[in-house]
């Protein structure tokens, strides 16, 4: 038997601005399950499906955090393309500036890009039917 993985359960991101990061993720529907805006470590429950939360974002405070290079990005999948559009509108309504409006990609996803307050690149996407 070959070992394998089904999905990524959590990603941990470093931040020098815990309160700003918590506020950002909350505006996109994530919920604090451990820690909080004034804590050195926070775990936030991600988007939900009919099976419960699909993933977690952990935030770790580092006082001297400075993102100095591109490291890649995290892609969060939603269940519907409408949810991609809803998340985009929620980000804009909360005062955040996504890098692009939702669009349909040639590889078969509807998506948009945004950076969190620490500069981490994120995409919210849904596979097109």
N, C-alpha and C. Protein backbone atom coordinates (compact mmCIF):
# COMPACT_ATOMS: atom_id res chain seq x y z
N UNK A 1 0.84 -1.18 0.00
CA UNK A 1 0.00 0.00 0.00
C UNK A 1 0.89 1.24 0.00
N UNK A 2 0.51 2.23 -0.78
CA UNK A 2 1.25 3.48 -0.84
C UNK A 2 0.59 4.50 0.07
N UNK A 3 1.39 5.15 0.91
CA UNK A 3 0.85 6.18 1.79
C UNK A 3 0.56 7.42 0.98
N UNK A 4 -0.43 8.18 1.39
CA UNK A 4 -0.79 9.40 0.69
C UNK A 4 -1.52 10.34 1.62
N UNK A 5 -1.79 11.49 1.12
CA UNK A 5 -2.54 12.46 1.91
C UNK A 5 -3.80 12.85 1.16
N UNK A 6 -4.82 13.22 1.91
CA UNK A 6 -6.09 13.64 1.32
C UNK A 6 -6.15 15.14 1.14
N UNK A 7 -5.64 15.88 2.14
CA UNK A 7 -5.71 17.33 2.07
C UNK A 7 -4.77 17.93 3.09
N UNK A 8 -4.58 19.23 2.97
CA UNK A 8 -3.83 19.98 3.98
C UNK A 8 -4.84 20.47 5.00
N UNK A 9 -4.59 20.22 6.27
CA UNK A 9 -5.52 20.61 7.32
C UNK A 9 -5.26 22.02 7.83
N UNK A 10 -3.99 22.43 7.88
CA UNK A 10 -3.67 23.74 8.43
C UNK A 10 -2.41 24.29 7.79
N UNK A 11 -2.34 25.60 7.75
CA UNK A 11 -1.13 26.29 7.34
C UNK A 11 -0.84 27.31 8.44
N UNK A 12 0.44 27.44 8.79
CA UNK A 12 0.83 28.40 9.81
C UNK A 12 1.61 29.52 9.14
N UNK A 13 1.16 30.74 9.39
CA UNK A 13 1.77 31.93 8.80
C UNK A 13 2.33 32.82 9.91
N UNK A 14 3.50 33.36 9.69
CA UNK A 14 4.11 34.28 10.64
C UNK A 14 3.57 35.68 10.40
N UNK A 15 3.45 36.45 11.47
CA UNK A 15 2.97 37.82 11.36
C UNK A 15 3.63 38.70 12.41
N UNK A 16 3.83 39.94 12.07
CA UNK A 16 4.29 40.93 13.04
C UNK A 16 3.14 41.79 13.54
N UNK A 17 1.92 41.48 13.06
CA UNK A 17 0.74 42.27 13.39
C UNK A 17 -0.44 41.33 13.64
N UNK A 18 -0.46 40.71 14.82
CA UNK A 18 -1.48 39.70 15.11
C UNK A 18 -2.89 40.28 15.02
N UNK A 19 -3.14 41.44 15.63
CA UNK A 19 -4.50 42.00 15.63
C UNK A 19 -4.97 42.27 14.20
N UNK A 20 -4.12 42.84 13.37
CA UNK A 20 -4.50 43.13 11.99
C UNK A 20 -4.75 41.84 11.22
N UNK A 21 -3.94 40.83 11.46
CA UNK A 21 -4.11 39.56 10.76
C UNK A 21 -5.40 38.86 11.18
N UNK A 22 -5.68 38.84 12.48
CA UNK A 22 -6.92 38.23 12.97
C UNK A 22 -8.12 38.95 12.37
N UNK A 23 -8.10 40.26 12.36
CA UNK A 23 -9.20 41.04 11.80
C UNK A 23 -9.40 40.73 10.32
N UNK A 24 -8.31 40.64 9.57
CA UNK A 24 -8.37 40.32 8.15
C UNK A 24 -9.06 38.97 7.92
N UNK A 25 -8.59 37.93 8.59
CA UNK A 25 -9.16 36.60 8.38
C UNK A 25 -10.60 36.52 8.86
N UNK A 26 -10.92 37.22 9.95
CA UNK A 26 -12.31 37.25 10.40
C UNK A 26 -13.21 37.90 9.35
N UNK A 27 -12.73 38.93 8.68
CA UNK A 27 -13.55 39.59 7.67
C UNK A 27 -13.85 38.67 6.49
N UNK A 28 -13.05 37.61 6.33
CA UNK A 28 -13.27 36.64 5.27
C UNK A 28 -13.96 35.37 5.77
N UNK A 29 -14.51 35.43 6.98
CA UNK A 29 -15.31 34.33 7.50
C UNK A 29 -14.59 33.31 8.35
N UNK A 30 -13.31 33.51 8.63
CA UNK A 30 -12.59 32.61 9.53
C UNK A 30 -12.99 32.94 10.97
N UNK A 31 -12.90 31.95 11.86
CA UNK A 31 -13.32 32.12 13.25
C UNK A 31 -12.20 31.69 14.18
N UNK A 32 -11.89 32.53 15.17
CA UNK A 32 -10.86 32.20 16.15
C UNK A 32 -11.33 31.03 17.00
N UNK A 33 -10.50 29.98 17.08
CA UNK A 33 -10.81 28.84 17.95
C UNK A 33 -9.78 28.70 19.08
N UNK A 34 -8.67 29.41 18.96
CA UNK A 34 -7.65 29.43 20.00
C UNK A 34 -6.86 30.71 19.85
N UNK A 35 -6.52 31.34 20.96
CA UNK A 35 -5.71 32.55 20.91
C UNK A 35 -6.57 33.76 20.67
N UNK A 36 -6.07 34.69 19.88
CA UNK A 36 -6.81 35.91 19.58
C UNK A 36 -5.88 37.04 19.24
N UNK A 37 -6.44 38.22 19.07
CA UNK A 37 -5.72 39.39 18.59
C UNK A 37 -4.52 39.79 19.44
N UNK A 38 -4.55 39.50 20.74
CA UNK A 38 -3.46 39.90 21.63
C UNK A 38 -2.57 38.72 22.04
N UNK A 39 -2.73 37.59 21.39
CA UNK A 39 -1.99 36.38 21.76
C UNK A 39 -0.84 36.12 20.78
N UNK A 40 0.17 35.36 21.22
CA UNK A 40 1.30 35.06 20.33
C UNK A 40 1.01 33.97 19.29
N UNK A 41 -0.05 33.19 19.52
CA UNK A 41 -0.44 32.14 18.58
C UNK A 41 -1.96 32.10 18.50
N UNK A 42 -2.47 32.07 17.28
CA UNK A 42 -3.92 32.03 17.07
C UNK A 42 -4.22 30.98 16.02
N UNK A 43 -5.25 30.18 16.29
CA UNK A 43 -5.74 29.21 15.32
C UNK A 43 -7.13 29.64 14.90
N UNK A 44 -7.34 29.69 13.59
CA UNK A 44 -8.63 30.14 13.05
C UNK A 44 -9.21 29.06 12.16
N UNK A 45 -10.48 28.75 12.42
CA UNK A 45 -11.21 27.76 11.64
C UNK A 45 -11.56 28.37 10.30
N UNK A 46 -11.33 27.60 9.24
CA UNK A 46 -11.54 28.11 7.89
C UNK A 46 -12.95 27.95 7.38
N UNK A 47 -13.06 27.98 6.09
CA UNK A 47 -14.34 27.88 5.41
C UNK A 47 -15.01 26.57 5.77
N UNK A 48 -16.32 26.58 5.80
CA UNK A 48 -17.08 25.39 6.20
C UNK A 48 -17.77 24.75 5.01
N UNK A 49 -17.92 23.45 5.11
CA UNK A 49 -18.72 22.70 4.15
C UNK A 49 -19.77 21.95 4.94
N UNK A 50 -20.54 21.15 4.28
CA UNK A 50 -21.55 20.36 4.99
C UNK A 50 -20.90 19.30 5.89
N UNK A 51 -19.59 19.10 5.75
CA UNK A 51 -18.86 18.15 6.60
C UNK A 51 -18.12 18.83 7.74
N UNK A 52 -18.31 20.12 7.90
CA UNK A 52 -17.62 20.85 8.96
C UNK A 52 -16.49 21.69 8.40
N UNK A 53 -15.62 22.22 9.27
CA UNK A 53 -14.53 23.07 8.79
C UNK A 53 -13.59 22.27 7.89
N UNK A 54 -13.10 22.93 6.87
CA UNK A 54 -12.22 22.23 5.93
C UNK A 54 -10.75 22.44 6.23
N UNK A 55 -10.42 23.49 6.95
CA UNK A 55 -9.01 23.77 7.22
C UNK A 55 -8.88 24.88 8.26
N UNK A 56 -7.63 25.07 8.67
CA UNK A 56 -7.33 26.07 9.68
C UNK A 56 -6.16 26.93 9.22
N UNK A 57 -6.19 28.19 9.61
CA UNK A 57 -5.05 29.08 9.45
C UNK A 57 -4.54 29.37 10.85
N UNK A 58 -3.28 29.06 11.07
CA UNK A 58 -2.63 29.39 12.32
C UNK A 58 -1.77 30.62 12.10
N UNK A 59 -1.79 31.53 13.04
CA UNK A 59 -0.98 32.74 12.97
C UNK A 59 -0.01 32.73 14.14
N UNK A 60 1.26 32.95 13.85
CA UNK A 60 2.29 32.96 14.89
C UNK A 60 2.95 34.33 14.89
N UNK A 61 2.90 35.00 16.02
CA UNK A 61 3.47 36.34 16.15
C UNK A 61 4.98 36.27 16.26
N UNK A 62 5.65 37.08 15.47
CA UNK A 62 7.10 37.26 15.54
C UNK A 62 7.35 38.76 15.51
N UNK A 63 7.85 39.31 16.61
CA UNK A 63 8.03 40.77 16.72
C UNK A 63 8.90 41.34 15.61
N UNK A 64 9.87 40.59 15.15
CA UNK A 64 10.77 41.11 14.13
C UNK A 64 10.45 40.57 12.74
N UNK A 65 9.18 40.16 12.52
CA UNK A 65 8.78 39.61 11.23
C UNK A 65 8.85 40.67 10.15
N UNK A 66 9.52 40.32 9.06
CA UNK A 66 9.56 41.16 7.86
C UNK A 66 9.58 40.20 6.68
N UNK A 67 8.52 40.21 5.90
CA UNK A 67 8.52 39.35 4.72
C UNK A 67 9.42 40.00 3.68
N UNK A 68 10.46 39.29 3.30
CA UNK A 68 11.46 39.88 2.41
C UNK A 68 11.50 39.24 1.04
N UNK A 69 10.83 38.13 0.86
CA UNK A 69 10.86 37.50 -0.46
C UNK A 69 9.55 36.78 -0.71
N UNK A 70 9.31 36.49 -1.97
CA UNK A 70 8.11 35.74 -2.34
C UNK A 70 8.31 34.29 -1.92
N UNK A 71 7.34 33.73 -1.28
CA UNK A 71 7.45 32.36 -0.79
C UNK A 71 6.46 31.43 -1.47
N UNK A 72 5.55 31.94 -2.26
CA UNK A 72 4.47 31.14 -2.84
C UNK A 72 3.15 31.70 -2.35
N UNK A 73 2.09 30.89 -2.41
CA UNK A 73 0.83 31.35 -1.86
C UNK A 73 -0.03 30.18 -1.44
N UNK A 74 -1.07 30.51 -0.66
CA UNK A 74 -2.01 29.51 -0.17
C UNK A 74 -3.29 29.67 -0.99
N UNK A 75 -3.85 28.55 -1.44
CA UNK A 75 -5.09 28.57 -2.20
C UNK A 75 -6.18 27.89 -1.36
N UNK A 76 -7.25 28.64 -1.12
CA UNK A 76 -8.41 28.13 -0.39
C UNK A 76 -9.51 27.85 -1.41
N UNK A 77 -10.06 26.64 -1.41
CA UNK A 77 -11.16 26.32 -2.30
C UNK A 77 -12.49 26.50 -1.58
N UNK A 78 -13.46 27.01 -2.32
CA UNK A 78 -14.83 27.14 -1.84
C UNK A 78 -15.68 26.08 -2.53
N UNK A 79 -16.93 25.94 -2.08
CA UNK A 79 -17.81 24.95 -2.71
C UNK A 79 -18.46 25.49 -3.98
N UNK A 80 -18.67 26.81 -4.06
CA UNK A 80 -19.33 27.38 -5.23
C UNK A 80 -18.57 28.60 -5.73
N UNK A 81 -18.76 28.89 -7.01
CA UNK A 81 -18.14 30.10 -7.56
C UNK A 81 -18.77 31.35 -6.94
N UNK A 82 -20.03 31.27 -6.54
CA UNK A 82 -20.68 32.42 -5.88
C UNK A 82 -19.96 32.77 -4.58
N UNK A 83 -19.43 31.76 -3.88
CA UNK A 83 -18.70 32.03 -2.64
C UNK A 83 -17.40 32.77 -2.92
N UNK A 84 -16.77 32.49 -4.05
CA UNK A 84 -15.57 33.24 -4.44
C UNK A 84 -15.93 34.72 -4.57
N UNK A 85 -17.02 35.00 -5.27
CA UNK A 85 -17.46 36.37 -5.46
C UNK A 85 -17.86 37.02 -4.13
N UNK A 86 -18.53 36.25 -3.26
CA UNK A 86 -18.93 36.76 -1.94
C UNK A 86 -17.70 37.12 -1.10
N UNK A 87 -16.67 36.27 -1.13
CA UNK A 87 -15.45 36.55 -0.37
C UNK A 87 -14.75 37.80 -0.91
N UNK A 88 -14.74 37.96 -2.21
CA UNK A 88 -14.16 39.15 -2.81
C UNK A 88 -14.90 40.40 -2.31
N UNK A 89 -16.23 40.36 -2.36
CA UNK A 89 -17.02 41.51 -1.90
C UNK A 89 -16.80 41.77 -0.40
N UNK A 90 -16.66 40.72 0.40
CA UNK A 90 -16.42 40.87 1.83
C UNK A 90 -15.07 41.54 2.07
N UNK A 91 -14.06 41.15 1.32
CA UNK A 91 -12.73 41.76 1.46
C UNK A 91 -12.77 43.24 1.10
N UNK A 92 -13.43 43.57 0.00
CA UNK A 92 -13.53 44.97 -0.42
C UNK A 92 -14.32 45.78 0.60
N UNK A 93 -15.44 45.22 1.08
CA UNK A 93 -16.27 45.91 2.07
C UNK A 93 -15.52 46.17 3.36
N UNK A 94 -14.59 45.29 3.71
CA UNK A 94 -13.79 45.44 4.93
C UNK A 94 -12.60 46.38 4.72
N UNK A 95 -12.44 46.90 3.50
CA UNK A 95 -11.38 47.85 3.23
C UNK A 95 -10.09 47.25 2.72
N UNK A 96 -10.11 45.97 2.37
CA UNK A 96 -8.91 45.33 1.85
C UNK A 96 -8.91 45.41 0.32
N UNK A 97 -7.74 45.45 -0.27
CA UNK A 97 -7.62 45.59 -1.71
C UNK A 97 -7.14 44.34 -2.39
N UNK A 98 -8.07 43.47 -2.82
CA UNK A 98 -7.63 42.30 -3.59
C UNK A 98 -6.82 42.73 -4.81
N UNK A 99 -5.90 41.89 -5.22
CA UNK A 99 -5.03 42.21 -6.34
C UNK A 99 -5.72 42.09 -7.68
N UNK A 100 -6.88 41.44 -7.69
CA UNK A 100 -7.64 41.28 -8.93
C UNK A 100 -9.07 40.95 -8.59
N UNK A 101 -9.97 41.23 -9.51
CA UNK A 101 -11.37 40.83 -9.35
C UNK A 101 -11.49 39.35 -9.67
N UNK A 102 -12.53 38.68 -9.16
CA UNK A 102 -12.72 37.28 -9.51
C UNK A 102 -12.80 37.10 -11.02
N UNK A 103 -12.14 36.07 -11.51
CA UNK A 103 -12.19 35.77 -12.94
C UNK A 103 -12.07 34.27 -13.15
N UNK A 104 -12.48 33.85 -14.34
CA UNK A 104 -12.40 32.43 -14.70
C UNK A 104 -11.06 32.18 -15.39
N UNK A 105 -10.31 31.26 -14.84
CA UNK A 105 -8.98 30.95 -15.35
C UNK A 105 -9.04 29.85 -16.41
N UNK A 106 -8.07 29.85 -17.33
CA UNK A 106 -8.05 28.80 -18.35
C UNK A 106 -7.84 27.40 -17.78
N UNK A 107 -7.35 27.29 -16.56
CA UNK A 107 -7.14 25.96 -15.97
C UNK A 107 -8.38 25.45 -15.25
N UNK A 108 -9.52 26.20 -15.34
CA UNK A 108 -10.78 25.68 -14.85
C UNK A 108 -11.17 26.07 -13.44
N UNK A 109 -10.75 27.23 -12.99
CA UNK A 109 -11.16 27.72 -11.67
C UNK A 109 -11.61 29.17 -11.78
N UNK A 110 -12.54 29.55 -10.91
CA UNK A 110 -12.86 30.96 -10.69
C UNK A 110 -12.10 31.34 -9.44
N UNK A 111 -11.38 32.47 -9.46
CA UNK A 111 -10.50 32.80 -8.35
C UNK A 111 -10.23 34.29 -8.29
N UNK A 112 -9.68 34.71 -7.13
CA UNK A 112 -9.07 36.04 -7.00
C UNK A 112 -7.91 35.94 -6.03
N UNK A 113 -7.00 36.90 -6.13
CA UNK A 113 -5.82 36.97 -5.26
C UNK A 113 -5.95 38.15 -4.31
N UNK A 114 -5.38 37.96 -3.11
CA UNK A 114 -5.33 39.03 -2.11
C UNK A 114 -4.12 38.75 -1.21
N UNK A 115 -3.59 39.79 -0.61
CA UNK A 115 -2.52 39.62 0.39
C UNK A 115 -3.07 39.95 1.76
N UNK A 116 -2.65 39.16 2.76
CA UNK A 116 -3.06 39.48 4.12
C UNK A 116 -2.19 40.62 4.64
N UNK A 117 -2.46 41.15 5.85
CA UNK A 117 -1.69 42.29 6.34
C UNK A 117 -0.19 42.05 6.47
N UNK A 118 0.24 40.80 6.54
CA UNK A 118 1.67 40.50 6.61
C UNK A 118 2.29 40.27 5.24
N UNK A 119 1.50 40.38 4.19
CA UNK A 119 2.01 40.23 2.84
C UNK A 119 1.91 38.82 2.27
N UNK A 120 1.31 37.89 3.00
CA UNK A 120 1.16 36.53 2.50
C UNK A 120 0.16 36.52 1.35
N UNK A 121 0.53 35.87 0.26
CA UNK A 121 -0.34 35.79 -0.90
C UNK A 121 -1.36 34.67 -0.74
N UNK A 122 -2.62 35.00 -0.99
CA UNK A 122 -3.72 34.05 -0.86
C UNK A 122 -4.55 34.07 -2.13
N UNK A 123 -5.13 32.93 -2.46
CA UNK A 123 -6.13 32.85 -3.52
C UNK A 123 -7.35 32.16 -2.94
N UNK A 124 -8.51 32.63 -3.36
CA UNK A 124 -9.77 31.97 -3.04
C UNK A 124 -10.33 31.51 -4.38
N UNK A 125 -10.65 30.21 -4.50
CA UNK A 125 -10.98 29.64 -5.81
C UNK A 125 -12.04 28.56 -5.69
N UNK A 126 -12.67 28.30 -6.82
CA UNK A 126 -13.62 27.19 -6.94
C UNK A 126 -13.46 26.60 -8.33
N UNK A 127 -13.46 25.30 -8.41
CA UNK A 127 -13.39 24.65 -9.71
C UNK A 127 -14.65 24.95 -10.51
N UNK A 128 -14.48 25.23 -11.78
CA UNK A 128 -15.63 25.48 -12.65
C UNK A 128 -16.23 24.14 -13.08
N UNK A 129 -17.54 24.12 -13.18
CA UNK A 129 -18.23 22.87 -13.56
C UNK A 129 -18.01 22.56 -15.02
